[in-house]
């Protein structure tokens, strides 16, 4: 008798909760929606931050003749070599306004003793989350500082940089059919993201199905 009542209740609840369009759509499309909400914003943000090949607009604040000489001797050539647009000024006001209205990506305060002295060195920007620009400027400043230190040590810069140059190790994908080919970082990223997406889909499907069935 109890089994019969349980079967009736079970069939009723199953038809009421599981055999509905809402349950089927939630189970099938819910994981994809959650993955889109979780992954797409990160991908779009990473794409917007990647400005490789774009012309950065860099301001250089030199508030003294010594700082102006240092900027012209070290930073302006490095900015030009990278294909960026330098803007040198002795006053902070115009550079600050240019950053606020978007005509400059940011400006760098150049210390009078740069690159030997770094007191007062700072990067001013409207968006502190634009890591691509910050890392590019930091790499440029580091190059100038390292070059000056190598020169002061009396060492040939080209020789010193050849010693510090990192080695690139290509990754070759082998296959039983032959035709080994070199892979890049993009293929690894695609494989990683694809695995994460399918794991998330399976996880959310089981979670939603269990939740609905439990109810």
Protein backbone atom coordinates (compact mmCIF):
# COMPACT_ATOMS: atom_id res chain seq x y z
CA UNK A 1 0.00 0.00 0.00
CA UNK A 2 2.80 2.40 0.91
CA UNK A 3 4.69 1.56 -2.26
CA UNK A 4 1.63 2.26 -4.35
CA UNK A 5 1.07 5.65 -2.76
CA UNK A 6 4.75 6.51 -3.16
CA UNK A 7 4.63 5.56 -6.84
CA UNK A 8 1.57 7.76 -7.39
CA UNK A 9 3.20 10.72 -5.63
CA UNK A 10 6.46 10.14 -7.46
CA UNK A 11 4.79 10.05 -10.88
CA UNK A 12 2.81 13.17 -10.06
CA UNK A 13 5.82 15.14 -8.84
CA UNK A 14 7.99 13.92 -11.70
CA UNK A 15 5.47 15.02 -14.31
CA UNK A 16 4.92 18.29 -12.49
CA UNK A 17 8.61 19.22 -12.08
CA UNK A 18 10.69 17.29 -14.62
CA UNK A 19 8.37 16.81 -17.60
CA UNK A 20 8.03 20.52 -18.27
CA UNK A 21 9.51 22.81 -20.89
CA UNK A 22 11.00 25.05 -18.22
CA UNK A 23 12.90 22.16 -16.63
CA UNK A 24 14.20 20.90 -19.96
CA UNK A 25 15.28 24.36 -21.11
CA UNK A 26 16.92 25.09 -17.77
CA UNK A 27 18.78 21.79 -17.79
CA UNK A 28 19.98 22.11 -21.37
CA UNK A 29 20.55 25.84 -21.73
CA UNK A 30 21.27 26.81 -18.13
CA UNK A 31 24.90 25.60 -18.11
CA UNK A 32 25.66 27.41 -21.37
CA UNK A 33 24.14 30.60 -19.99
CA UNK A 34 26.17 30.36 -16.78
CA UNK A 35 29.36 29.64 -18.71
CA UNK A 36 28.67 32.63 -20.95
CA UNK A 37 28.13 34.87 -17.94
CA UNK A 38 31.30 33.62 -16.24
CA UNK A 39 33.66 33.35 -19.22
CA UNK A 40 32.63 35.92 -21.82
CA UNK A 41 33.27 39.02 -19.68
CA UNK A 42 36.82 37.80 -18.95
CA UNK A 43 37.49 37.08 -22.61
CA UNK A 44 36.15 40.45 -23.71
CA UNK A 45 38.16 42.23 -21.03
CA UNK A 46 41.34 40.41 -22.03
CA UNK A 47 40.73 41.26 -25.69
CA UNK A 48 40.15 44.93 -24.92
CA UNK A 49 43.34 45.06 -22.80
CA UNK A 50 45.47 43.46 -25.49
CA UNK A 51 46.69 46.44 -27.49
CA UNK A 52 49.60 44.75 -29.19
CA UNK A 53 50.62 46.74 -32.26
CA UNK A 54 48.63 49.80 -31.28
CA UNK A 55 50.24 53.23 -30.94
CA UNK A 56 50.35 54.22 -27.30
CA UNK A 57 50.26 57.88 -26.38
CA UNK A 58 52.76 58.42 -23.59
CA UNK A 59 53.32 61.69 -21.76
CA UNK A 60 56.65 62.54 -20.14
CA UNK A 61 56.64 65.05 -17.29
CA UNK A 62 60.03 66.75 -16.92
CA UNK A 63 59.72 69.51 -14.35
CA UNK A 64 63.40 70.55 -14.38
CA UNK A 65 66.13 70.97 -17.00
CA UNK A 66 67.89 67.88 -15.66
CA UNK A 67 64.70 65.84 -15.95
CA UNK A 68 64.12 67.16 -19.48
CA UNK A 69 67.64 66.16 -20.46
CA UNK A 70 67.13 62.70 -19.01
CA UNK A 71 63.81 62.30 -20.81
CA UNK A 72 65.25 63.39 -24.16
CA UNK A 73 68.36 61.26 -23.71
CA UNK A 74 66.77 58.02 -22.55
CA UNK A 75 62.98 57.82 -22.72
CA UNK A 76 62.05 59.73 -25.88
CA UNK A 77 64.21 57.47 -28.11
CA UNK A 78 62.75 54.36 -26.48
CA UNK A 79 59.19 55.65 -26.98
CA UNK A 80 59.93 56.44 -30.63
CA UNK A 81 61.59 53.06 -31.23
CA UNK A 82 58.39 51.33 -30.11
CA UNK A 83 56.31 53.38 -32.54
CA UNK A 84 54.53 55.24 -29.76
CA UNK A 85 53.68 58.92 -29.61
CA UNK A 86 55.68 60.81 -26.93
CA UNK A 87 54.49 64.06 -25.42
CA UNK A 88 57.12 65.93 -23.37
CA UNK A 89 56.00 68.72 -21.04
CA UNK A 90 57.45 70.67 -18.12
CA UNK A 91 53.99 71.28 -16.62
CA UNK A 92 51.77 68.63 -15.14
CA UNK A 93 48.45 70.38 -15.80
CA UNK A 94 48.29 69.85 -19.60
CA UNK A 95 49.35 66.21 -19.27
CA UNK A 96 46.77 65.60 -16.56
CA UNK A 97 43.99 67.13 -18.68
CA UNK A 98 45.10 65.06 -21.69
CA UNK A 99 44.88 61.87 -19.62
CA UNK A 100 41.43 62.77 -18.32
CA UNK A 101 40.02 63.53 -21.79
CA UNK A 102 41.55 60.36 -23.26
CA UNK A 103 44.10 61.91 -25.62
CA UNK A 104 46.92 60.35 -23.58
CA UNK A 105 47.15 56.83 -22.14
CA UNK A 106 49.08 58.25 -19.21
CA UNK A 107 52.16 60.23 -18.31
CA UNK A 108 55.42 59.35 -16.59
CA UNK A 109 57.03 61.66 -14.06
CA UNK A 110 60.74 61.69 -14.88
CA UNK A 111 63.11 62.23 -11.92
CA UNK A 112 65.99 64.70 -12.41
CA UNK A 113 68.59 61.97 -11.87
CA UNK A 114 66.92 59.37 -14.09
CA UNK A 115 67.94 56.66 -14.81
CA UNK A 116 70.53 56.54 -12.03
CA UNK A 117 68.05 57.92 -9.48
CA UNK A 118 64.44 56.80 -9.38
CA UNK A 119 63.10 58.98 -6.55
CA UNK A 120 59.85 60.57 -7.74
CA UNK A 121 59.35 58.18 -10.65
CA UNK A 122 55.63 57.47 -11.07
CA UNK A 123 53.10 56.53 -13.75
CA UNK A 124 49.84 58.50 -13.83
CA UNK A 125 46.85 57.05 -15.68
CA UNK A 126 43.08 57.34 -15.74
CA UNK A 127 42.52 53.59 -15.63
CA UNK A 128 44.63 51.60 -13.20
CA UNK A 129 43.33 48.33 -14.69
CA UNK A 130 45.00 48.81 -18.10
CA UNK A 131 47.82 46.41 -17.32
CA UNK A 132 49.02 46.20 -20.93
CA UNK A 133 50.00 49.88 -21.01
CA UNK A 134 51.51 49.77 -17.52
CA UNK A 135 53.62 46.70 -18.29
CA UNK A 136 54.78 48.25 -21.57
CA UNK A 137 55.85 51.47 -19.82
CA UNK A 138 57.48 49.53 -16.97
CA UNK A 139 59.46 47.46 -19.50
CA UNK A 140 60.60 50.65 -21.24
CA UNK A 141 61.73 52.22 -17.96
CA UNK A 142 63.51 49.02 -16.92
CA UNK A 143 65.34 48.92 -20.24
CA UNK A 144 66.59 52.47 -19.74
CA UNK A 145 67.70 51.77 -16.16
CA UNK A 146 69.48 48.52 -17.06
CA UNK A 147 71.23 50.14 -20.02
CA UNK A 148 72.52 52.95 -17.82
CA UNK A 149 73.75 50.52 -15.16
CA UNK A 150 75.55 48.46 -17.80
CA UNK A 151 77.17 51.61 -19.20
CA UNK A 152 78.31 52.74 -15.75
CA UNK A 153 79.84 49.32 -15.16
CA UNK A 154 81.94 49.76 -18.31
CA UNK A 155 80.46 46.69 -20.01
CA UNK A 156 79.45 46.51 -23.65
CA UNK A 157 75.65 46.64 -23.65
CA UNK A 158 75.17 44.34 -26.65
CA UNK A 159 77.41 41.72 -25.08
CA UNK A 160 75.69 41.99 -21.70
CA UNK A 161 72.22 41.66 -23.22
CA UNK A 162 73.31 38.65 -25.24
CA UNK A 163 74.23 36.96 -21.96
CA UNK A 164 70.85 37.75 -20.44
CA UNK A 165 68.80 36.82 -23.49
CA UNK A 166 66.34 34.05 -22.70
CA UNK A 167 66.14 30.92 -24.82
CA UNK A 168 62.94 30.10 -26.70
CA UNK A 169 61.99 26.43 -26.74
CA UNK A 170 59.50 25.55 -29.49
CA UNK A 171 56.84 22.94 -28.75
CA UNK A 172 56.41 20.29 -31.46
CA UNK A 173 53.27 18.18 -31.52
CA UNK A 174 53.89 14.63 -32.72
CA UNK A 175 51.32 12.33 -34.26
CA UNK A 176 51.24 8.70 -35.32
CA UNK A 177 50.47 9.69 -38.90
CA UNK A 178 53.55 11.92 -39.08
CA UNK A 179 53.48 15.54 -40.02
CA UNK A 180 54.82 16.89 -36.74
CA UNK A 181 54.08 20.58 -36.38
CA UNK A 182 54.94 23.39 -34.05
CA UNK A 183 52.23 24.64 -31.72
CA UNK A 184 51.82 28.04 -30.14
CA UNK A 185 50.36 29.51 -26.99
CA UNK A 186 47.00 30.00 -28.70
CA UNK A 187 46.43 26.28 -29.18
CA UNK A 188 47.22 25.58 -25.53
CA UNK A 189 44.81 28.31 -24.44
CA UNK A 190 42.03 26.97 -26.68
CA UNK A 191 42.47 23.45 -25.29
CA UNK A 192 42.47 24.74 -21.73
CA UNK A 193 39.37 26.90 -22.16
CA UNK A 194 37.52 24.13 -24.02
CA UNK A 195 38.15 21.66 -21.21
CA UNK A 196 37.07 24.16 -18.58
CA UNK A 197 33.88 25.00 -20.46
CA UNK A 198 32.82 21.36 -20.84
CA UNK A 199 33.64 20.64 -17.19
CA UNK A 200 31.49 23.59 -16.19
CA UNK A 201 28.65 22.41 -18.46
CA UNK A 202 28.70 18.92 -16.95
CA UNK A 203 28.91 20.27 -13.41
CA UNK A 204 26.06 22.72 -13.82
CA UNK A 205 23.90 20.16 -15.62
CA UNK A 206 24.26 17.68 -12.76
CA UNK A 207 23.71 20.43 -10.20
CA UNK A 208 20.56 21.81 -11.81
CA UNK A 209 19.16 18.36 -12.52
CA UNK A 210 19.79 17.25 -8.95
CA UNK A 211 18.24 20.42 -7.58
CA UNK A 212 15.10 20.11 -9.67
CA UNK A 213 14.78 16.39 -9.01
CA UNK A 214 15.35 16.90 -5.30
CA UNK A 215 12.55 19.45 -5.18
